[in-house]
C-alpha atoms as a PDB file:
ATOM      1  CA  MET A   1      17.683 -26.183  -6.752  1.00  0.00           C
ATOM      2  CA  ALA A   2      15.697 -23.189  -6.836  1.00  0.00           C
ATOM      3  CA  GLU A   3      16.896 -19.991  -6.431  1.00  0.00           C
ATOM      4  CA  PRO A   4      15.992 -18.020  -4.050  1.00  0.00           C
ATOM      5  CA  THR A   5      13.524 -15.530  -3.773  1.00  0.00           C
ATOM      6  CA  ALA A   6      13.754 -13.214  -0.234  1.00  0.00           C
ATOM      7  CA  TYR A   7      15.932 -12.978   2.195  1.00  0.00           C
ATOM      8  CA  GLN A   8      14.609 -12.297   6.080  1.00  0.00           C
ATOM      9  CA  PHE A   9      17.193 -10.540   8.070  1.00  0.00           C
ATOM     10  CA  SER A  10      17.051  -9.900  12.303  1.00  0.00           C
ATOM     11  CA  LEU A  11      16.933  -6.202  13.755  1.00  0.00           C
ATOM     12  CA  GLN A  12      20.711  -7.403  14.872  1.00  0.00           C
ATOM     13  CA  GLU A  13      22.229  -8.630  11.145  1.00  0.00           C
ATOM     14  CA  VAL A  14      20.375  -5.247  10.408  1.00  0.00           C
ATOM     15  CA  ILE A  15      21.914  -3.100  12.760  1.00  0.00           C
ATOM     16  CA  THR A  16      25.474  -4.704  12.328  1.00  0.00           C
ATOM     17  CA  ALA A  17      24.801  -4.327   8.771  1.00  0.00           C
ATOM     18  CA  LEU A  18      24.195  -0.599   8.808  1.00  0.00           C
ATOM     19  CA  LEU A  19      27.491  -0.274  10.940  1.00  0.00           C
ATOM     20  CA  LYS A  20      29.999  -1.781   8.583  1.00  0.00           C
ATOM     21  CA  GLU A  21      28.071   0.043   5.879  1.00  0.00           C
ATOM     22  CA  GLN A  22      28.865   3.754   7.879  1.00  0.00           C
ATOM     23  CA  GLY A  23      32.540   2.510   9.172  1.00  0.00           C
ATOM     24  CA  ILE A  24      31.028   2.600  12.575  1.00  0.00           C
ATOM     25  CA  SER A  25      33.821   1.374  14.591  1.00  0.00           C
ATOM     26  CA  GLU A  26      33.324   2.044  18.293  1.00  0.00           C
ATOM     27  CA  GLY A  27      30.451   2.319  20.820  1.00  0.00           C
ATOM     28  CA  ASN A  28      26.979  -0.022  21.383  1.00  0.00           C
ATOM     29  CA  TRP A  29      23.914   1.048  18.804  1.00  0.00           C
ATOM     30  CA  THR A  30      20.268  -0.277  18.034  1.00  0.00           C
ATOM     31  CA  VAL A  31      18.095   0.143  15.171  1.00  0.00           C
ATOM     32  CA  SER A  32      15.200   3.246  15.844  1.00  0.00           C
ATOM     33  CA  ILE A  33      11.629   2.572  12.972  1.00  0.00           C
ATOM     34  CA  GLU A  34      10.079   5.782  12.202  1.00  0.00           C
ATOM     35  CA  PHE A  35       6.043   4.639  11.229  1.00  0.00           C
ATOM     36  CA  GLY A  36       3.673   7.217   9.547  1.00  0.00           C
ATOM     37  CA  PHE A  37      -0.136   6.241  10.399  1.00  0.00           C
ATOM     38  CA  ALA A  38      -3.032   7.893   8.077  1.00  0.00           C
ATOM     39  CA  ALA A  39      -6.892   6.796   8.080  1.00  0.00           C
ATOM     40  CA  LEU A  40      -9.140   6.661   5.663  1.00  0.00           C
ATOM     41  CA  ILE A  41     -12.684   4.589   4.226  1.00  0.00           C
ATOM     42  CA  ALA A  42     -11.717   2.129   2.144  1.00  0.00           C
ATOM     43  CA  GLY A  43     -12.741  -1.414   1.276  1.00  0.00           C
ATOM     44  CA  PRO A  44     -13.054  -3.851  -1.888  1.00  0.00           C
ATOM     45  CA  ASN A  45     -15.999  -2.083  -2.936  1.00  0.00           C
ATOM     46  CA  PRO A  46     -18.128   0.950  -2.328  1.00  0.00           C
ATOM     47  CA  ALA A  47     -20.684  -1.052  -0.351  1.00  0.00           C
ATOM     48  CA  GLU A  48     -18.140  -2.893   1.551  1.00  0.00           C
ATOM     49  CA  ALA A  49     -16.280  -0.034   2.375  1.00  0.00           C
ATOM     50  CA  SER A  50     -15.329   1.114   6.268  1.00  0.00           C
ATOM     51  CA  PRO A  51     -12.809   2.767   8.735  1.00  0.00           C
ATOM     52  CA  SER A  52      -9.250   1.611   8.008  1.00  0.00           C
ATOM     53  CA  GLY A  53      -5.452   2.979   8.813  1.00  0.00           C
ATOM     54  CA  ILE A  54      -2.900   2.597   7.297  1.00  0.00           C
ATOM     55  CA  VAL A  55       0.775   2.208   8.606  1.00  0.00           C
ATOM     56  CA  GLN A  56       4.049   3.228   6.651  1.00  0.00           C
ATOM     57  CA  VAL A  57       8.009   2.221   7.950  1.00  0.00           C
ATOM     58  CA  ARG A  58       9.046   5.807   6.929  1.00  0.00           C
ATOM     59  CA  ASN A  59      13.235   4.873   7.536  1.00  0.00           C
ATOM     60  CA  LEU A  60      15.073   3.044   9.676  1.00  0.00           C
ATOM     61  CA  SER A  61      18.122   5.026  12.257  1.00  0.00           C
ATOM     62  CA  LEU A  62      21.433   3.968  14.040  1.00  0.00           C
ATOM     63  CA  VAL A  63      21.644   5.014  17.279  1.00  0.00           C
ATOM     64  CA  LYS A  64      23.387   4.855  19.885  1.00  0.00           C
ATOM     65  CA  ALA A  65      21.959   2.276  22.732  1.00  0.00           C
ATOM     66  CA  GLY A  66      21.207   3.591  26.147  1.00  0.00           C
ATOM     67  CA  PRO A  67      20.906   1.622  29.039  1.00  0.00           C
ATOM     68  CA  GLU A  68      17.124   1.258  29.123  1.00  0.00           C
ATOM     69  CA  THR A  69      17.985  -0.293  24.682  1.00  0.00           C
ATOM     70  CA  PRO A  70      16.623  -4.022  24.961  1.00  0.00           C
ATOM     71  CA  LEU A  71      20.170  -6.072  25.229  1.00  0.00           C
ATOM     72  CA  HIS A  72      18.731  -8.207  22.366  1.00  0.00           C
ATOM     73  CA  LEU A  73      18.617  -5.055  20.589  1.00  0.00           C
ATOM     74  CA  VAL A  74      22.071  -3.672  20.842  1.00  0.00           C
ATOM     75  CA  VAL A  75      24.980  -4.189  19.058  1.00  0.00           C
ATOM     76  CA  SER A  76      28.848  -3.247  19.830  1.00  0.00           C
ATOM     77  CA  ALA A  77      30.650  -2.065  17.045  1.00  0.00           C
ATOM     78  CA  ALA A  78      33.741  -2.574  18.344  1.00  0.00           C
ATOM     79  CA  ALA A  79      33.130  -6.696  18.990  1.00  0.00           C
ATOM     80  CA  LEU A  80      32.117  -6.341  15.234  1.00  0.00           C
ATOM     81  CA  GLU A  81      35.046  -8.516  13.016  1.00  0.00           C
ATOM     82  CA  LYS A  82      36.821  -5.518  10.697  1.00  0.00           C
END
């Protein structure tokens, strides 16, 4: 059997893992992603360079979920298995 080379996680799985890692056992939580943006002139060679953009994922944060947070992005820390 082939050895896996990648694992994919849903946002709920990421939130759950981070809550467990931090020992958080109360409250409703979601994840926040901070992006960075940059503009530049780029291309495969100078003759084909054109205005371009770069998007960076700078960090992930656990944040308390508010009433406006979509329920599919909320994890209850109290409901997690210990």
